[in-house]
C-alpha atoms as a PDB file:
ATOM      1  CA  MET A   1      94.076  89.158  -6.443  1.00  0.00           C
ATOM      2  CA  VAL A   2      95.677  87.073  -8.949  1.00  0.00           C
ATOM      3  CA  SER A   3      99.030  89.581  -9.262  1.00  0.00           C
ATOM      4  CA  CYS A   4      99.078  90.039  -4.922  1.00  0.00           C
ATOM      5  CA  LYS A   5      99.090  85.807  -4.933  1.00  0.00           C
ATOM      6  CA  SER A   6     102.175  86.388  -7.747  1.00  0.00           C
ATOM      7  CA  ASP A   7     103.832  88.075  -5.788  1.00  0.00           C
ATOM      8  CA  PHE A   8     103.657  86.246  -2.921  1.00  0.00           C
ATOM      9  CA  GLU A   9     104.070  82.982  -5.439  1.00  0.00           C
ATOM     10  CA  LYS A  10     107.783  84.990  -6.224  1.00  0.00           C
ATOM     11  CA  LEU A  11     108.517  86.011  -2.403  1.00  0.00           C
ATOM     12  CA  LYS A  12     107.399  82.613  -1.478  1.00  0.00           C
ATOM     13  CA  GLU A  13     110.444  81.140  -4.666  1.00  0.00           C
ATOM     14  CA  LYS A  14     112.694  82.999  -2.623  1.00  0.00           C
ATOM     15  CA  ALA A  15     111.954  81.926   0.755  1.00  0.00           C
ATOM     16  CA  GLU A  16     112.635  78.028  -0.272  1.00  0.00           C
ATOM     17  CA  LYS A  17     115.537  78.452  -1.858  1.00  0.00           C
ATOM     18  CA  GLY A  18     116.620  80.098   2.006  1.00  0.00           C
ATOM     19  CA  ASP A  19     115.855  84.117   1.789  1.00  0.00           C
ATOM     20  CA  ALA A  20     116.249  84.497   5.277  1.00  0.00           C
ATOM     21  CA  ASP A  21     113.953  88.555   4.762  1.00  0.00           C
ATOM     22  CA  ALA A  22     111.174  86.533   2.436  1.00  0.00           C
ATOM     23  CA  GLN A  23     111.101  82.883   5.260  1.00  0.00           C
ATOM     24  CA  PHE A  24     109.782  85.655   7.641  1.00  0.00           C
ATOM     25  CA  ASN A  25     108.108  87.836   5.027  1.00  0.00           C
ATOM     26  CA  ILE A  26     106.096  84.658   4.618  1.00  0.00           C
ATOM     27  CA  GLY A  27     105.522  83.304   7.891  1.00  0.00           C
ATOM     28  CA  THR A  28     103.688  86.853   8.695  1.00  0.00           C
ATOM     29  CA  TYR A  29     101.778  86.877   6.088  1.00  0.00           C
ATOM     30  CA  TYR A  30     100.963  83.255   6.696  1.00  0.00           C
ATOM     31  CA  GLY A  31     100.439  84.695  11.392  1.00  0.00           C
ATOM     32  CA  LYS A  32      98.612  87.686  10.002  1.00  0.00           C
ATOM     33  CA  GLY A  33      96.650  86.516   6.286  1.00  0.00           C
ATOM     34  CA  TYR A  34      98.585  89.161   4.649  1.00  0.00           C
ATOM     35  CA  MET A  35      98.396  89.029   0.590  1.00  0.00           C
ATOM     36  CA  GLY A  36      94.613  87.019   0.119  1.00  0.00           C
ATOM     37  CA  VAL A  37      96.634  83.889   2.058  1.00  0.00           C
ATOM     38  CA  ASN A  38      94.892  82.057   4.396  1.00  0.00           C
ATOM     39  CA  LYS A  39      95.940  82.179   7.930  1.00  0.00           C
ATOM     40  CA  ASN A  40      97.903  79.776   8.997  1.00  0.00           C
ATOM     41  CA  LEU A  41      99.806  78.947  12.008  1.00  0.00           C
ATOM     42  CA  ASP A  42     101.401  76.495  11.636  1.00  0.00           C
ATOM     43  CA  SER A  43     102.897  77.316   8.859  1.00  0.00           C
ATOM     44  CA  ALA A  44     103.998  80.987  10.435  1.00  0.00           C
ATOM     45  CA  PHE A  45     105.883  78.544  12.523  1.00  0.00           C
ATOM     46  CA  TYR A  46     107.832  77.020  10.078  1.00  0.00           C
ATOM     47  CA  TRP A  47     108.708  79.759   7.955  1.00  0.00           C
ATOM     48  CA  TYR A  48     109.334  82.250  11.311  1.00  0.00           C
ATOM     49  CA  LYS A  49     111.551  79.217  12.321  1.00  0.00           C
ATOM     50  CA  LYS A  50     113.365  78.464   8.868  1.00  0.00           C
ATOM     51  CA  SER A  51     114.104  82.859   9.344  1.00  0.00           C
ATOM     52  CA  ALA A  52     115.153  82.888  13.361  1.00  0.00           C
ATOM     53  CA  GLU A  53     117.700  79.618  12.317  1.00  0.00           C
ATOM     54  CA  GLN A  54     119.530  81.423  10.283  1.00  0.00           C
ATOM     55  CA  GLY A  55     119.401  84.915  12.978  1.00  0.00           C
ATOM     56  CA  ASN A  56     116.673  87.411  11.830  1.00  0.00           C
ATOM     57  CA  VAL A  57     115.919  89.325  15.005  1.00  0.00           C
ATOM     58  CA  LYS A  58     112.116  89.835  13.985  1.00  0.00           C
ATOM     59  CA  ALA A  59     111.699  85.882  13.191  1.00  0.00           C
ATOM     60  CA  GLN A  60     113.725  85.198  15.937  1.00  0.00           C
ATOM     61  CA  PHE A  61     110.829  87.767  18.792  1.00  0.00           C
ATOM     62  CA  ASN A  62     107.444  86.333  16.434  1.00  0.00           C
ATOM     63  CA  LEU A  63     108.975  82.766  17.272  1.00  0.00           C
ATOM     64  CA  ALA A  64     109.046  83.301  20.052  1.00  0.00           C
ATOM     65  CA  LEU A  65     105.583  85.232  20.451  1.00  0.00           C
ATOM     66  CA  LEU A  66     104.046  82.101  18.733  1.00  0.00           C
ATOM     67  CA  TYR A  67     105.240  80.010  21.038  1.00  0.00           C
ATOM     68  CA  ASP A  68     104.231  82.737  24.063  1.00  0.00           C
ATOM     69  CA  GLN A  69     100.816  81.391  23.040  1.00  0.00           C
ATOM     70  CA  GLU A  70     100.917  78.334  22.987  1.00  0.00           C
ATOM     71  CA  LYS A  71     101.965  78.682  26.070  1.00  0.00           C
ATOM     72  CA  ASN A  72     105.435  76.910  25.625  1.00  0.00           C
ATOM     73  CA  LEU A  73     107.865  79.186  27.486  1.00  0.00           C
ATOM     74  CA  GLU A  74     110.350  77.620  27.552  1.00  0.00           C
ATOM     75  CA  LYS A  75     110.783  77.742  23.760  1.00  0.00           C
ATOM     76  CA  ALA A  76     109.566  81.340  24.207  1.00  0.00           C
ATOM     77  CA  PHE A  77     112.409  82.582  26.539  1.00  0.00           C
ATOM     78  CA  GLU A  78     114.831  80.509  24.010  1.00  0.00           C
ATOM     79  CA  TRP A  79     113.418  82.341  21.396  1.00  0.00           C
ATOM     80  CA  TYR A  80     113.109  86.207  23.253  1.00  0.00           C
ATOM     81  CA  GLN A  81     116.521  85.714  24.346  1.00  0.00           C
ATOM     82  CA  LYS A  82     117.881  85.285  21.084  1.00  0.00           C
ATOM     83  CA  SER A  83     116.358  88.198  19.950  1.00  0.00           C
ATOM     84  CA  ALA A  84     116.838  90.030  23.063  1.00  0.00           C
ATOM     85  CA  GLU A  85     120.501  89.837  22.584  1.00  0.00           C
ATOM     86  CA  GLN A  86     120.715  90.849  19.116  1.00  0.00           C
ATOM     87  CA  GLY A  87     119.683  93.917  20.866  1.00  0.00           C
ATOM     88  CA  ASN A  88     115.231  93.961  20.333  1.00  0.00           C
ATOM     89  CA  SER A  89     113.633  96.038  22.962  1.00  0.00           C
ATOM     90  CA  ARG A  90     110.361  93.994  22.826  1.00  0.00           C
ATOM     91  CA  ALA A  91     112.222  90.973  23.166  1.00  0.00           C
ATOM     92  CA  GLN A  92     113.989  91.880  26.131  1.00  0.00           C
ATOM     93  CA  TYR A  93     111.003  93.492  28.009  1.00  0.00           C
ATOM     94  CA  ASN A  94     109.359  89.823  27.716  1.00  0.00           C
ATOM     95  CA  LEU A  95     112.909  88.453  28.588  1.00  0.00           C
ATOM     96  CA  ALA A  96     112.780  90.352  31.829  1.00  0.00           C
ATOM     97  CA  ASP A  97     108.802  89.544  32.057  1.00  0.00           C
ATOM     98  CA  LEU A  98     109.554  85.234  32.432  1.00  0.00           C
ATOM     99  CA  TYR A  99     112.307  86.277  34.940  1.00  0.00           C
ATOM    100  CA  ARG A 100     110.094  88.366  36.926  1.00  0.00           C
ATOM    101  CA  LYS A 101     107.843  85.719  37.046  1.00  0.00           C
ATOM    102  CA  GLY A 102     109.300  82.282  36.652  1.00  0.00           C
ATOM    103  CA  GLU A 103     108.126  81.370  32.710  1.00  0.00           C
ATOM    104  CA  GLY A 104     109.728  79.489  31.211  1.00  0.00           C
ATOM    105  CA  VAL A 105     112.771  79.993  33.134  1.00  0.00           C
ATOM    106  CA  GLU A 106     113.694  80.512  37.177  1.00  0.00           C
ATOM    107  CA  LYS A 107     112.799  83.487  38.842  1.00  0.00           C
ATOM    108  CA  ASP A 108     115.913  85.975  38.661  1.00  0.00           C
ATOM    109  CA  ILE A 109     114.833  89.759  39.648  1.00  0.00           C
ATOM    110  CA  GLU A 110     118.999  90.603  38.898  1.00  0.00           C
ATOM    111  CA  LYS A 111     118.415  89.582  35.555  1.00  0.00           C
ATOM    112  CA  SER A 112     115.267  90.400  35.485  1.00  0.00           C
ATOM    113  CA  ILE A 113     116.462  94.477  35.663  1.00  0.00           C
ATOM    114  CA  TYR A 114     118.962  93.973  33.258  1.00  0.00           C
ATOM    115  CA  TRP A 115     116.938  92.749  30.782  1.00  0.00           C
ATOM    116  CA  TYR A 116     113.850  95.705  31.437  1.00  0.00           C
ATOM    117  CA  LYS A 117     116.991  98.453  31.459  1.00  0.00           C
ATOM    118  CA  LYS A 118     118.224  97.122  28.499  1.00  0.00           C
ATOM    119  CA  SER A 119     115.313  98.019  27.053  1.00  0.00           C
ATOM    120  CA  ALA A 120     114.096 100.636  28.948  1.00  0.00           C
ATOM    121  CA  GLU A 121     117.749 102.541  27.977  1.00  0.00           C
ATOM    122  CA  GLN A 122     116.326 101.940  24.369  1.00  0.00           C
ATOM    123  CA  GLY A 123     113.252 103.815  25.170  1.00  0.00           C
ATOM    124  CA  ASP A 124     110.536 101.367  25.608  1.00  0.00           C
ATOM    125  CA  VAL A 125     107.839 103.515  28.311  1.00  0.00           C
ATOM    126  CA  ASN A 126     106.132  99.747  29.824  1.00  0.00           C
ATOM    127  CA  ALA A 127     110.262  98.377  30.536  1.00  0.00           C
ATOM    128  CA  GLN A 128     111.133 102.089  31.910  1.00  0.00           C
ATOM    129  CA  LEU A 129     107.435 101.708  34.133  1.00  0.00           C
ATOM    130  CA  ASN A 130     108.382  98.141  35.426  1.00  0.00           C
ATOM    131  CA  LEU A 131     112.106  99.250  36.268  1.00  0.00           C
ATOM    132  CA  GLY A 132     110.587 101.656  37.959  1.00  0.00           C
ATOM    133  CA  LEU A 133     108.674  99.690  40.237  1.00  0.00           C
ATOM    134  CA  MET A 134     110.971  97.168  40.593  1.00  0.00           C
ATOM    135  CA  TYR A 135     113.445  99.360  41.781  1.00  0.00           C
ATOM    136  CA  LEU A 136     110.986 100.707  43.965  1.00  0.00           C
ATOM    137  CA  SER A 137     110.068  98.059  45.285  1.00  0.00           C
ATOM    138  CA  VAL A 138     113.446  97.125  46.887  1.00  0.00           C
ATOM    139  CA  SER A 139     113.979 100.831  48.614  1.00  0.00           C
ATOM    140  CA  ASP A 140     115.461 102.258  45.764  1.00  0.00           C
ATOM    141  CA  LYS A 141     114.078 105.641  44.740  1.00  0.00           C
ATOM    142  CA  GLU A 142     116.477 107.110  43.024  1.00  0.00           C
ATOM    143  CA  LYS A 143     116.366 104.542  40.664  1.00  0.00           C
ATOM    144  CA  ALA A 144     113.096 104.214  40.946  1.00  0.00           C
ATOM    145  CA  THR A 145     112.495 107.609  40.256  1.00  0.00           C
ATOM    146  CA  TYR A 146     114.799 107.796  38.186  1.00  0.00           C
ATOM    147  CA  TRP A 147     112.941 105.243  35.111  1.00  0.00           C
ATOM    148  CA  LEU A 148     109.199 106.384  36.615  1.00  0.00           C
ATOM    149  CA  LYS A 149     110.013 109.894  35.636  1.00  0.00           C
ATOM    150  CA  ARG A 150     111.230 108.175  31.901  1.00  0.00           C
ATOM    151  CA  ALA A 151     107.840 107.275  31.525  1.00  0.00           C
ATOM    152  CA  SER A 152     105.684 109.497  32.928  1.00  0.00           C
ATOM    153  CA  PRO A 153     105.483 112.689  34.710  1.00  0.00           C
ATOM    154  CA  MET A 154     102.044 111.526  36.507  1.00  0.00           C
ATOM    155  CA  VAL A 155     103.162 108.109  37.465  1.00  0.00           C
ATOM    156  CA  ILE A 156     105.655 108.889  39.728  1.00  0.00           C
ATOM    157  CA  ASN A 157     103.126 111.231  40.973  1.00  0.00           C
ATOM    158  CA  GLU A 158     100.626 108.867  41.213  1.00  0.00           C
ATOM    159  CA  LEU A 159     103.343 106.052  42.854  1.00  0.00           C
ATOM    160  CA  LEU A 160     105.247 108.076  44.971  1.00  0.00           C
ATOM    161  CA  LYS A 161     102.014 109.287  47.597  1.00  0.00           C
ATOM    162  CA  CYS A 162     102.227 106.437  49.302  1.00  0.00           C
END
């Protein structure tokens, strides 16, 4: 365990000097309780934010998740959007969900479809399914079929029986 603490301290020194990747990793250690470090969400927030502000896409996403867990949906939206704009498919999916539900942002189905599609194009099955369902709800069976087939051949058979 001493070796792990030593490695953690070395990483923390890099983080304190402004290394965005080290800051992300330190945030993860605090967020998950890795490397013998006690879980501390306040410290995780602190380090993720440091890294996210430098443009680290994974830190932006993890920071958004923490805000989402705290039900601070406006802040979650802000950081999901930054991560999504850099191509993070999970952030794109979560951003689409916020637009669809009108949580943390004004409800906007067109923007929801846009972000689901971005995520779906990267292979996110849940985004493909949600996108297919959204197209089905607006009676665009051609697009619905396309995305539902990509999500799962079994899903299309069940949903289109209706």
